[in-house]
């Protein structure tokens, strides 16, 4: 997230460098459509860049801020969903994000935590913290008990949520704390 952040564009068929796009304050590249990508930015926004057939910038748009980098940052480990991406904040807010043409849509967040969970100090944490099972539309989240700034602590449980109902449907205690777990589906593998 340095001010000098940029993205290099390479034609993979000809194996030639096409150009460099300056993306100050924004990081990650999440594929969007055939020739576009979404980026997470340090001011709490998302940036969408679309490329033309030659790989040059065609359009660039920013979302409104949807999270506070100081009060409740979003983990920089989004997970692909059927329509876009799932993002989770340090305090357990879940954001569904999708792009339609040159528009970034961020749905109203929902919480992984009940008041009882907060009282017991459950938090999201680990390395790769979430995974989405596309066929069953389930969200898997690594959870642990801890205080503020323990977002890198390993998970002691995996919580499973139905993404449609936004309800927790399972809690799976782990025999050993884990920073990430791997689960497989027929089409692809995901780290959780």
N, C-alpha and C. Protein backbone atom coordinates (compact mmCIF):
# COMPACT_ATOMS: atom_id res chain seq x y z
N UNK A 1 0.82 -1.19 0.00
CA UNK A 1 0.00 0.00 0.00
C UNK A 1 0.87 1.26 0.00
N UNK A 2 2.01 1.19 -0.63
CA UNK A 2 2.88 2.36 -0.68
C UNK A 2 2.36 3.32 -1.74
N UNK A 3 2.71 4.59 -1.63
CA UNK A 3 2.28 5.55 -2.66
C UNK A 3 2.77 5.19 -4.06
N UNK A 4 3.82 4.39 -4.18
CA UNK A 4 4.38 4.06 -5.49
C UNK A 4 3.81 2.77 -6.09
N UNK A 5 2.72 2.26 -5.52
CA UNK A 5 2.13 1.01 -6.00
C UNK A 5 1.78 1.11 -7.49
N UNK A 6 1.99 0.00 -8.22
CA UNK A 6 1.61 -0.03 -9.63
C UNK A 6 1.32 -1.46 -10.04
N UNK A 7 0.70 -1.60 -11.21
CA UNK A 7 0.39 -2.91 -11.78
C UNK A 7 1.00 -2.97 -13.17
N UNK A 8 1.76 -4.03 -13.44
CA UNK A 8 2.32 -4.23 -14.77
C UNK A 8 1.37 -5.10 -15.59
N UNK A 9 1.19 -4.73 -16.84
CA UNK A 9 0.32 -5.48 -17.75
C UNK A 9 1.22 -6.20 -18.76
N UNK A 10 1.01 -7.52 -18.89
CA UNK A 10 1.81 -8.35 -19.79
C UNK A 10 0.87 -9.11 -20.71
N UNK A 11 1.16 -9.13 -22.00
CA UNK A 11 0.43 -9.96 -22.96
C UNK A 11 0.98 -11.37 -22.82
N UNK A 12 0.19 -12.28 -22.27
CA UNK A 12 0.70 -13.62 -22.00
C UNK A 12 0.83 -14.46 -23.27
N UNK A 13 0.15 -14.09 -24.34
CA UNK A 13 0.31 -14.83 -25.59
C UNK A 13 1.63 -14.50 -26.27
N UNK A 14 1.97 -13.20 -26.32
CA UNK A 14 3.22 -12.80 -26.96
C UNK A 14 4.37 -12.71 -25.95
N UNK A 15 4.03 -12.81 -24.66
CA UNK A 15 5.00 -12.70 -23.58
C UNK A 15 5.75 -11.37 -23.62
N UNK A 16 4.98 -10.29 -23.88
CA UNK A 16 5.58 -8.96 -23.95
C UNK A 16 4.93 -8.03 -22.95
N UNK A 17 5.76 -7.17 -22.38
CA UNK A 17 5.32 -6.14 -21.46
C UNK A 17 4.48 -5.13 -22.24
N UNK A 18 3.28 -4.82 -21.75
CA UNK A 18 2.39 -3.88 -22.42
C UNK A 18 2.49 -2.50 -21.79
N UNK A 19 2.55 -2.45 -20.47
CA UNK A 19 2.62 -1.16 -19.80
C UNK A 19 2.45 -1.29 -18.31
N UNK A 20 2.54 -0.13 -17.65
CA UNK A 20 2.42 -0.10 -16.21
C UNK A 20 1.35 0.92 -15.83
N UNK A 21 0.49 0.53 -14.88
CA UNK A 21 -0.57 1.40 -14.41
C UNK A 21 -0.25 1.85 -13.00
N UNK A 22 -0.23 3.13 -12.76
CA UNK A 22 0.00 3.66 -11.42
C UNK A 22 -1.26 3.46 -10.59
N UNK A 23 -1.11 2.85 -9.41
CA UNK A 23 -2.26 2.59 -8.54
C UNK A 23 -1.92 3.01 -7.11
N UNK A 24 -1.60 4.29 -6.90
CA UNK A 24 -1.14 4.73 -5.58
C UNK A 24 -2.15 4.42 -4.48
N UNK A 25 -1.64 3.84 -3.40
CA UNK A 25 -2.47 3.57 -2.24
C UNK A 25 -3.40 2.38 -2.38
N UNK A 26 -3.32 1.64 -3.48
CA UNK A 26 -4.20 0.49 -3.70
C UNK A 26 -3.36 -0.75 -3.97
N UNK A 27 -3.83 -1.88 -3.47
CA UNK A 27 -3.08 -3.13 -3.62
C UNK A 27 -4.04 -4.27 -3.94
N UNK A 28 -3.49 -5.44 -4.20
CA UNK A 28 -4.22 -6.65 -4.62
C UNK A 28 -4.74 -6.46 -6.04
N UNK A 29 -4.90 -7.53 -6.75
CA UNK A 29 -5.56 -7.49 -8.05
C UNK A 29 -6.55 -8.64 -8.09
N UNK A 30 -7.84 -8.31 -8.10
CA UNK A 30 -8.92 -9.28 -8.14
C UNK A 30 -9.57 -9.19 -9.50
N UNK A 31 -9.52 -10.28 -10.26
CA UNK A 31 -10.04 -10.27 -11.63
C UNK A 31 -11.49 -9.84 -11.67
N UNK A 32 -11.81 -9.03 -12.68
CA UNK A 32 -13.18 -8.55 -12.88
C UNK A 32 -13.48 -8.56 -14.37
N UNK A 33 -14.32 -9.47 -14.78
CA UNK A 33 -14.64 -9.57 -16.21
C UNK A 33 -13.46 -10.06 -17.01
N UNK A 34 -13.51 -9.83 -18.32
CA UNK A 34 -12.45 -10.34 -19.19
C UNK A 34 -11.16 -9.52 -19.11
N UNK A 35 -11.28 -8.22 -18.92
CA UNK A 35 -10.09 -7.37 -18.92
C UNK A 35 -10.19 -6.28 -17.86
N UNK A 36 -10.36 -6.71 -16.62
CA UNK A 36 -10.43 -5.73 -15.56
C UNK A 36 -9.99 -6.33 -14.24
N UNK A 37 -9.75 -5.46 -13.27
CA UNK A 37 -9.40 -5.93 -11.94
C UNK A 37 -9.81 -4.90 -10.90
N UNK A 38 -10.10 -5.41 -9.73
CA UNK A 38 -10.51 -4.62 -8.59
C UNK A 38 -9.34 -4.59 -7.61
N UNK A 39 -9.17 -3.47 -6.90
CA UNK A 39 -8.09 -3.32 -5.93
C UNK A 39 -8.65 -2.77 -4.63
N UNK A 40 -8.04 -3.17 -3.51
CA UNK A 40 -8.39 -2.63 -2.21
C UNK A 40 -7.46 -1.46 -1.92
N UNK A 41 -8.04 -0.34 -1.42
CA UNK A 41 -7.24 0.86 -1.22
C UNK A 41 -7.19 1.26 0.24
N UNK A 42 -6.11 1.92 0.61
CA UNK A 42 -5.83 2.28 1.98
C UNK A 42 -6.75 3.32 2.57
N UNK A 43 -7.62 3.92 1.76
CA UNK A 43 -8.57 4.90 2.29
C UNK A 43 -9.95 4.27 2.54
N UNK A 44 -10.02 2.93 2.50
CA UNK A 44 -11.29 2.25 2.76
C UNK A 44 -12.19 2.10 1.55
N UNK A 45 -11.62 2.27 0.36
CA UNK A 45 -12.39 2.16 -0.88
C UNK A 45 -11.90 0.97 -1.69
N UNK A 46 -12.61 0.70 -2.77
CA UNK A 46 -12.17 -0.25 -3.79
C UNK A 46 -11.99 0.53 -5.09
N UNK A 47 -11.04 0.10 -5.90
CA UNK A 47 -10.80 0.72 -7.20
C UNK A 47 -10.94 -0.34 -8.28
N UNK A 48 -11.69 -0.02 -9.32
CA UNK A 48 -11.88 -0.91 -10.47
C UNK A 48 -11.20 -0.30 -11.68
N UNK A 49 -10.35 -1.09 -12.34
CA UNK A 49 -9.68 -0.65 -13.56
C UNK A 49 -10.05 -1.62 -14.67
N UNK A 50 -10.52 -1.08 -15.80
CA UNK A 50 -10.83 -1.88 -16.99
C UNK A 50 -9.78 -1.57 -18.06
N UNK A 51 -9.40 -2.62 -18.80
CA UNK A 51 -8.40 -2.49 -19.86
C UNK A 51 -9.05 -2.66 -21.22
N UNK A 52 -8.47 -2.05 -22.25
CA UNK A 52 -8.97 -2.27 -23.62
C UNK A 52 -8.31 -3.51 -24.21
N UNK A 53 -8.59 -3.80 -25.47
CA UNK A 53 -8.05 -5.01 -26.12
C UNK A 53 -6.53 -5.04 -26.18
N UNK A 54 -5.90 -3.89 -26.13
CA UNK A 54 -4.44 -3.82 -26.19
C UNK A 54 -3.80 -3.81 -24.79
N UNK A 55 -4.61 -3.80 -23.73
CA UNK A 55 -4.08 -3.81 -22.38
C UNK A 55 -3.85 -2.43 -21.79
N UNK A 56 -4.32 -1.40 -22.47
CA UNK A 56 -4.21 -0.03 -21.94
C UNK A 56 -5.43 0.27 -21.08
N UNK A 57 -5.26 1.18 -20.15
CA UNK A 57 -6.38 1.55 -19.27
C UNK A 57 -7.52 2.17 -20.07
N UNK A 58 -8.72 1.64 -19.85
CA UNK A 58 -9.91 2.13 -20.54
C UNK A 58 -10.81 2.91 -19.58
N UNK A 59 -10.90 2.44 -18.32
CA UNK A 59 -11.76 3.10 -17.34
C UNK A 59 -11.21 2.83 -15.94
N UNK A 60 -11.46 3.79 -15.04
CA UNK A 60 -11.04 3.64 -13.65
C UNK A 60 -12.12 4.29 -12.79
N UNK A 61 -12.65 3.54 -11.82
CA UNK A 61 -13.65 4.08 -10.90
C UNK A 61 -13.30 3.66 -9.48
N UNK A 62 -13.76 4.45 -8.51
CA UNK A 62 -13.55 4.16 -7.09
C UNK A 62 -14.91 4.05 -6.42
N UNK A 63 -14.99 3.18 -5.43
CA UNK A 63 -16.19 3.10 -4.61
C UNK A 63 -16.14 4.20 -3.55
N UNK A 64 -17.25 4.40 -2.89
CA UNK A 64 -17.24 5.24 -1.69
C UNK A 64 -16.52 4.44 -0.60
N UNK A 65 -15.97 5.10 0.42
CA UNK A 65 -15.37 4.33 1.53
C UNK A 65 -16.44 3.42 2.16
N UNK A 66 -16.07 2.17 2.42
CA UNK A 66 -17.02 1.23 3.03
C UNK A 66 -16.48 0.60 4.30
N UNK A 67 -15.24 0.89 4.66
CA UNK A 67 -14.69 0.45 5.93
C UNK A 67 -13.69 1.49 6.42
N UNK A 68 -13.44 1.47 7.74
CA UNK A 68 -12.48 2.39 8.33
C UNK A 68 -11.16 1.66 8.54
N UNK A 69 -10.12 2.16 7.93
CA UNK A 69 -8.80 1.56 8.05
C UNK A 69 -8.29 1.65 9.49
N UNK A 70 -8.75 2.64 10.26
CA UNK A 70 -8.33 2.81 11.64
C UNK A 70 -9.21 2.07 12.64
N UNK A 71 -10.52 2.09 12.43
CA UNK A 71 -11.45 1.50 13.40
C UNK A 71 -11.76 0.03 13.14
N UNK A 72 -11.90 -0.37 11.89
CA UNK A 72 -12.22 -1.76 11.57
C UNK A 72 -11.77 -2.09 10.15
N UNK A 73 -10.46 -2.36 9.97
CA UNK A 73 -9.95 -2.66 8.63
C UNK A 73 -10.51 -3.97 8.09
N UNK A 74 -10.47 -4.09 6.79
CA UNK A 74 -10.85 -5.32 6.10
C UNK A 74 -9.59 -6.12 5.83
N UNK A 75 -9.64 -7.43 6.08
CA UNK A 75 -8.50 -8.30 5.77
C UNK A 75 -8.19 -8.21 4.28
N UNK A 76 -6.91 -8.29 3.95
CA UNK A 76 -6.49 -8.21 2.55
C UNK A 76 -6.47 -9.61 1.92
N UNK A 77 -7.44 -10.44 2.28
CA UNK A 77 -7.54 -11.80 1.75
C UNK A 77 -8.97 -12.07 1.28
N UNK A 78 -9.45 -11.35 0.27
CA UNK A 78 -10.80 -11.58 -0.22
C UNK A 78 -10.92 -12.98 -0.82
N UNK A 79 -12.12 -13.50 -0.84
CA UNK A 79 -12.37 -14.83 -1.41
C UNK A 79 -13.39 -14.69 -2.54
N UNK A 80 -13.15 -15.40 -3.64
CA UNK A 80 -14.03 -15.34 -4.79
C UNK A 80 -15.37 -16.01 -4.45
N UNK A 81 -16.47 -15.37 -4.88
CA UNK A 81 -17.81 -15.94 -4.78
C UNK A 81 -18.35 -16.12 -6.20
N UNK A 82 -19.57 -16.60 -6.32
CA UNK A 82 -20.16 -16.77 -7.65
C UNK A 82 -20.31 -15.45 -8.39
N UNK A 83 -20.57 -14.36 -7.65
CA UNK A 83 -20.82 -13.06 -8.28
C UNK A 83 -19.72 -12.04 -8.08
N UNK A 84 -18.74 -12.34 -7.23
CA UNK A 84 -17.70 -11.35 -6.96
C UNK A 84 -16.75 -11.81 -5.90
N UNK A 85 -16.74 -11.11 -4.75
CA UNK A 85 -15.80 -11.40 -3.69
C UNK A 85 -16.47 -11.28 -2.34
N UNK A 86 -15.96 -12.02 -1.39
CA UNK A 86 -16.37 -11.93 0.01
C UNK A 86 -15.20 -11.32 0.76
N UNK A 87 -15.47 -10.30 1.55
CA UNK A 87 -14.44 -9.65 2.35
C UNK A 87 -14.91 -9.62 3.80
N UNK A 88 -13.96 -9.74 4.74
CA UNK A 88 -14.29 -9.76 6.16
C UNK A 88 -13.41 -8.74 6.88
N UNK A 89 -14.02 -8.03 7.84
CA UNK A 89 -13.27 -7.05 8.62
C UNK A 89 -12.73 -7.69 9.90
N UNK A 90 -11.80 -7.00 10.54
CA UNK A 90 -11.20 -7.49 11.78
C UNK A 90 -12.27 -7.73 12.85
N UNK A 91 -13.34 -6.92 12.85
CA UNK A 91 -14.41 -7.05 13.85
C UNK A 91 -15.51 -8.02 13.41
N UNK A 92 -15.30 -8.70 12.28
CA UNK A 92 -16.24 -9.74 11.86
C UNK A 92 -17.39 -9.29 10.98
N UNK A 93 -17.28 -8.13 10.36
CA UNK A 93 -18.29 -7.72 9.39
C UNK A 93 -17.98 -8.36 8.04
N UNK A 94 -19.01 -8.85 7.36
CA UNK A 94 -18.85 -9.52 6.07
C UNK A 94 -19.42 -8.62 4.98
N UNK A 95 -18.62 -8.40 3.94
CA UNK A 95 -19.02 -7.57 2.81
C UNK A 95 -19.08 -8.42 1.55
N UNK A 96 -20.21 -8.35 0.84
CA UNK A 96 -20.33 -8.97 -0.48
C UNK A 96 -20.09 -7.89 -1.51
N UNK A 97 -19.13 -8.12 -2.40
CA UNK A 97 -18.73 -7.13 -3.40
C UNK A 97 -18.87 -7.74 -4.79
N UNK A 98 -19.41 -6.96 -5.71
CA UNK A 98 -19.44 -7.39 -7.11
C UNK A 98 -19.28 -6.18 -8.01
N UNK A 99 -18.87 -6.45 -9.24
CA UNK A 99 -18.76 -5.37 -10.23
C UNK A 99 -19.70 -5.69 -11.37
N UNK A 100 -20.38 -4.65 -11.85
CA UNK A 100 -21.23 -4.77 -13.03
C UNK A 100 -20.81 -3.67 -13.96
N UNK A 101 -20.22 -4.06 -15.08
CA UNK A 101 -19.60 -3.13 -16.02
C UNK A 101 -18.62 -2.25 -15.26
N UNK A 102 -18.83 -0.94 -15.21
CA UNK A 102 -17.89 -0.05 -14.52
C UNK A 102 -18.43 0.42 -13.18
N UNK A 103 -19.25 -0.40 -12.54
CA UNK A 103 -19.83 -0.05 -11.24
C UNK A 103 -19.39 -1.07 -10.18
N UNK A 104 -19.01 -0.57 -9.02
CA UNK A 104 -18.65 -1.41 -7.88
C UNK A 104 -19.83 -1.42 -6.93
N UNK A 105 -20.35 -2.61 -6.64
CA UNK A 105 -21.48 -2.74 -5.71
C UNK A 105 -21.02 -3.44 -4.44
N UNK A 106 -21.26 -2.80 -3.32
CA UNK A 106 -20.91 -3.34 -2.01
C UNK A 106 -22.20 -3.42 -1.20
N UNK A 107 -22.62 -4.64 -0.90
CA UNK A 107 -23.85 -4.82 -0.14
C UNK A 107 -23.65 -4.44 1.32
N UNK A 108 -24.75 -4.10 1.99
CA UNK A 108 -24.72 -3.78 3.41
C UNK A 108 -24.10 -4.96 4.16
N UNK A 109 -23.14 -4.69 5.06
CA UNK A 109 -22.45 -5.79 5.73
C UNK A 109 -23.34 -6.51 6.75
N UNK A 110 -22.95 -7.73 7.02
CA UNK A 110 -23.59 -8.50 8.09
C UNK A 110 -22.49 -9.03 9.01
N UNK A 111 -22.86 -9.37 10.23
CA UNK A 111 -21.86 -9.73 11.23
C UNK A 111 -21.78 -11.24 11.44
N UNK A 112 -20.56 -11.72 11.61
CA UNK A 112 -20.32 -13.12 11.96
C UNK A 112 -20.63 -13.37 13.43
N UNK A 113 -20.66 -12.31 14.23
CA UNK A 113 -20.70 -12.43 15.68
C UNK A 113 -22.04 -12.01 16.27
N UNK A 114 -22.50 -12.80 17.23
CA UNK A 114 -23.64 -12.41 18.05
C UNK A 114 -23.10 -11.63 19.24
N UNK A 115 -23.99 -11.06 20.03
CA UNK A 115 -23.55 -10.37 21.25
C UNK A 115 -22.85 -11.34 22.19
N UNK A 116 -23.36 -12.59 22.28
CA UNK A 116 -22.73 -13.60 23.13
C UNK A 116 -21.32 -13.92 22.63
N UNK A 117 -21.13 -14.00 21.31
CA UNK A 117 -19.80 -14.26 20.74
C UNK A 117 -18.85 -13.12 21.10
N UNK A 118 -19.32 -11.88 21.01
CA UNK A 118 -18.47 -10.73 21.35
C UNK A 118 -18.09 -10.76 22.83
N UNK A 119 -19.05 -11.11 23.69
CA UNK A 119 -18.78 -11.19 25.13
C UNK A 119 -17.71 -12.24 25.43
N UNK A 120 -17.68 -13.31 24.63
CA UNK A 120 -16.68 -14.37 24.80
C UNK A 120 -15.39 -14.06 24.05
N UNK A 121 -15.32 -12.87 23.43
CA UNK A 121 -14.13 -12.37 22.73
C UNK A 121 -13.72 -13.21 21.54
N UNK A 122 -14.71 -13.72 20.78
CA UNK A 122 -14.39 -14.44 19.54
C UNK A 122 -14.02 -13.42 18.47
N UNK A 123 -12.98 -13.76 17.69
CA UNK A 123 -12.50 -12.89 16.63
C UNK A 123 -12.03 -13.71 15.44
N UNK A 124 -12.05 -13.07 14.30
CA UNK A 124 -11.47 -13.66 13.08
C UNK A 124 -9.96 -13.57 13.20
N UNK A 125 -9.23 -14.60 12.75
CA UNK A 125 -7.78 -14.50 12.80
C UNK A 125 -7.08 -15.62 12.07
N UNK A 126 -5.84 -15.36 11.73
CA UNK A 126 -5.02 -16.35 11.05
C UNK A 126 -4.36 -15.75 9.83
N UNK A 127 -3.96 -16.62 8.91
CA UNK A 127 -3.33 -16.19 7.67
C UNK A 127 -4.39 -16.07 6.59
N UNK A 128 -4.77 -17.21 6.01
CA UNK A 128 -5.88 -17.23 5.06
C UNK A 128 -7.12 -17.53 5.89
N UNK A 129 -7.95 -16.52 6.13
CA UNK A 129 -8.98 -16.57 7.16
C UNK A 129 -10.33 -17.06 6.70
N UNK A 130 -10.62 -17.02 5.39
CA UNK A 130 -11.96 -17.42 4.92
C UNK A 130 -11.86 -18.27 3.66
N UNK A 131 -12.93 -19.00 3.41
CA UNK A 131 -13.08 -19.74 2.17
C UNK A 131 -14.55 -19.83 1.84
N UNK A 132 -14.89 -19.89 0.56
CA UNK A 132 -16.28 -19.99 0.12
C UNK A 132 -16.45 -21.29 -0.64
N UNK A 133 -17.44 -22.08 -0.23
CA UNK A 133 -17.82 -23.29 -0.98
C UNK A 133 -18.91 -22.87 -1.95
N UNK A 134 -18.58 -22.82 -3.23
CA UNK A 134 -19.48 -22.27 -4.24
C UNK A 134 -20.74 -23.10 -4.42
N UNK A 135 -20.62 -24.41 -4.51
CA UNK A 135 -21.78 -25.26 -4.77
C UNK A 135 -22.81 -25.18 -3.64
N UNK A 136 -22.34 -25.13 -2.40
CA UNK A 136 -23.25 -25.10 -1.25
C UNK A 136 -23.50 -23.69 -0.74
N UNK A 137 -22.80 -22.70 -1.29
CA UNK A 137 -22.92 -21.30 -0.89
C UNK A 137 -22.65 -21.12 0.61
N UNK A 138 -21.54 -21.70 1.06
CA UNK A 138 -21.15 -21.63 2.46
C UNK A 138 -19.87 -20.81 2.62
N UNK A 139 -19.79 -20.10 3.73
CA UNK A 139 -18.61 -19.33 4.10
C UNK A 139 -17.96 -20.01 5.30
N UNK A 140 -16.67 -20.31 5.21
CA UNK A 140 -15.89 -20.91 6.30
C UNK A 140 -14.96 -19.83 6.83
N UNK A 141 -14.90 -19.69 8.17
CA UNK A 141 -14.11 -18.63 8.79
C UNK A 141 -13.29 -19.19 9.95
N UNK A 142 -12.00 -18.88 9.98
CA UNK A 142 -11.14 -19.25 11.12
C UNK A 142 -11.40 -18.27 12.26
N UNK A 143 -11.70 -18.80 13.45
CA UNK A 143 -12.02 -17.97 14.61
C UNK A 143 -11.15 -18.36 15.81
N UNK A 144 -10.90 -17.39 16.68
CA UNK A 144 -10.18 -17.64 17.93
C UNK A 144 -10.71 -16.68 18.98
N UNK A 145 -10.38 -16.91 20.23
CA UNK A 145 -10.74 -15.98 21.29
C UNK A 145 -9.52 -15.13 21.60
N UNK A 146 -9.71 -13.81 21.58
CA UNK A 146 -8.60 -12.90 21.82
C UNK A 146 -9.07 -11.47 21.87
N UNK A 147 -8.12 -10.59 22.08
CA UNK A 147 -8.43 -9.18 22.17
C UNK A 147 -8.17 -8.45 20.86
N UNK A 148 -8.24 -7.13 20.93
CA UNK A 148 -7.96 -6.28 19.78
C UNK A 148 -6.53 -6.56 19.30
N UNK A 149 -6.31 -6.49 18.02
CA UNK A 149 -5.00 -6.70 17.39
C UNK A 149 -4.51 -8.14 17.47
N UNK A 150 -5.43 -9.10 17.58
CA UNK A 150 -5.04 -10.52 17.54
C UNK A 150 -5.47 -11.14 16.21
N UNK A 151 -5.65 -10.31 15.19
CA UNK A 151 -6.14 -10.77 13.89
C UNK A 151 -5.18 -11.73 13.18
N UNK A 152 -3.93 -11.80 13.61
CA UNK A 152 -3.00 -12.76 13.01
C UNK A 152 -2.86 -14.03 13.84
N UNK A 153 -3.52 -14.06 15.01
CA UNK A 153 -3.48 -15.27 15.84
C UNK A 153 -4.19 -16.41 15.12
N UNK A 154 -3.69 -17.63 15.27
CA UNK A 154 -4.32 -18.76 14.58
C UNK A 154 -5.73 -19.05 15.10
N UNK A 155 -6.52 -19.67 14.24
CA UNK A 155 -7.87 -20.05 14.61
C UNK A 155 -7.88 -21.31 15.45
N UNK A 156 -8.82 -21.38 16.38
CA UNK A 156 -9.02 -22.58 17.19
C UNK A 156 -10.31 -23.29 16.79
N UNK A 157 -11.14 -22.60 15.99
CA UNK A 157 -12.37 -23.18 15.46
C UNK A 157 -12.57 -22.69 14.03
N UNK A 158 -13.33 -23.47 13.26
CA UNK A 158 -13.81 -23.02 11.96
C UNK A 158 -15.32 -22.87 12.11
N UNK A 159 -15.82 -21.68 11.80
CA UNK A 159 -17.25 -21.44 11.82
C UNK A 159 -17.75 -21.47 10.39
N UNK A 160 -18.91 -22.08 10.20
CA UNK A 160 -19.50 -22.23 8.88
C UNK A 160 -20.81 -21.44 8.83
N UNK A 161 -20.96 -20.63 7.80
CA UNK A 161 -22.14 -19.78 7.65
C UNK A 161 -22.83 -20.07 6.32
N UNK A 162 -24.15 -20.09 6.34
CA UNK A 162 -24.94 -20.11 5.12
C UNK A 162 -24.93 -18.68 4.60
N UNK A 163 -24.38 -18.47 3.43
CA UNK A 163 -24.23 -17.10 2.91
C UNK A 163 -25.59 -16.47 2.60
N UNK A 164 -26.56 -17.26 2.16
CA UNK A 164 -27.87 -16.70 1.81
C UNK A 164 -28.63 -16.22 3.05
N UNK A 165 -28.68 -17.06 4.07
CA UNK A 165 -29.42 -16.70 5.29
C UNK A 165 -28.58 -15.88 6.26
N UNK A 166 -27.26 -15.86 6.04
CA UNK A 166 -26.32 -15.15 6.91
C UNK A 166 -26.36 -15.71 8.34
N UNK A 167 -26.57 -16.99 8.44
CA UNK A 167 -26.65 -17.66 9.73
C UNK A 167 -25.50 -18.66 9.89
N UNK A 168 -24.98 -18.74 11.12
CA UNK A 168 -23.96 -19.75 11.40
C UNK A 168 -24.68 -21.10 11.50
N UNK A 169 -24.13 -22.10 10.80
CA UNK A 169 -24.76 -23.42 10.81
C UNK A 169 -23.88 -24.47 11.46
N UNK A 170 -22.61 -24.15 11.72
CA UNK A 170 -21.72 -25.13 12.37
C UNK A 170 -20.53 -24.43 13.00
N UNK A 171 -20.02 -25.06 14.05
CA UNK A 171 -18.75 -24.67 14.67
C UNK A 171 -17.93 -25.94 14.75
N UNK A 172 -16.70 -25.87 14.24
CA UNK A 172 -15.84 -27.05 14.23
C UNK A 172 -14.56 -26.73 15.00
N UNK A 173 -14.43 -27.25 16.23
CA UNK A 173 -13.18 -27.05 16.98
C UNK A 173 -12.02 -27.75 16.27
N UNK A 174 -10.86 -27.12 16.30
CA UNK A 174 -9.66 -27.70 15.69
C UNK A 174 -8.84 -28.38 16.77
N UNK A 175 -8.19 -29.50 16.43
CA UNK A 175 -7.35 -30.20 17.41
C UNK A 175 -6.08 -29.41 17.70
N UNK A 176 -5.63 -28.60 16.72
CA UNK A 176 -4.48 -27.72 16.90
C UNK A 176 -4.83 -26.37 16.28
N UNK A 177 -4.39 -25.27 16.88
CA UNK A 177 -4.62 -23.97 16.26
C UNK A 177 -4.03 -23.94 14.85
N UNK A 178 -4.72 -23.25 13.94
CA UNK A 178 -4.28 -23.22 12.55
C UNK A 178 -4.37 -21.81 11.99
N UNK A 179 -3.37 -21.44 11.20
CA UNK A 179 -3.39 -20.14 10.50
C UNK A 179 -4.16 -20.22 9.19
N UNK A 180 -4.30 -21.43 8.67
CA UNK A 180 -5.06 -21.61 7.43
C UNK A 180 -5.40 -23.08 7.29
N UNK A 181 -6.45 -23.37 6.57
CA UNK A 181 -6.80 -24.75 6.26
C UNK A 181 -7.14 -24.84 4.78
N UNK A 182 -7.05 -26.02 4.25
CA UNK A 182 -7.33 -26.26 2.83
C UNK A 182 -8.55 -27.15 2.72
N UNK A 183 -9.50 -26.76 1.90
CA UNK A 183 -10.61 -27.65 1.60
C UNK A 183 -10.75 -27.73 0.09
N UNK A 184 -11.25 -28.84 -0.38
CA UNK A 184 -11.33 -29.11 -1.81
C UNK A 184 -12.77 -29.21 -2.26
N UNK A 185 -13.05 -28.68 -3.43
CA UNK A 185 -14.31 -28.95 -4.11
C UNK A 185 -13.93 -29.55 -5.46
N UNK A 186 -14.88 -30.05 -6.17
CA UNK A 186 -14.58 -30.73 -7.44
C UNK A 186 -13.92 -29.79 -8.45
N UNK A 187 -14.32 -28.55 -8.45
CA UNK A 187 -13.84 -27.62 -9.47
C UNK A 187 -12.56 -26.90 -9.09
N UNK A 188 -12.36 -26.66 -7.81
CA UNK A 188 -11.20 -25.87 -7.42
C UNK A 188 -10.87 -26.12 -5.96
N UNK A 189 -9.72 -25.70 -5.54
CA UNK A 189 -9.38 -25.79 -4.12
C UNK A 189 -9.34 -24.39 -3.54
N UNK A 190 -9.57 -24.32 -2.25
CA UNK A 190 -9.57 -23.04 -1.56
C UNK A 190 -8.83 -23.18 -0.26
N UNK A 191 -8.07 -22.15 0.10
CA UNK A 191 -7.49 -22.10 1.44
C UNK A 191 -8.47 -21.41 2.35
N UNK A 192 -8.64 -21.91 3.54
CA UNK A 192 -9.49 -21.25 4.53
C UNK A 192 -8.62 -20.84 5.68
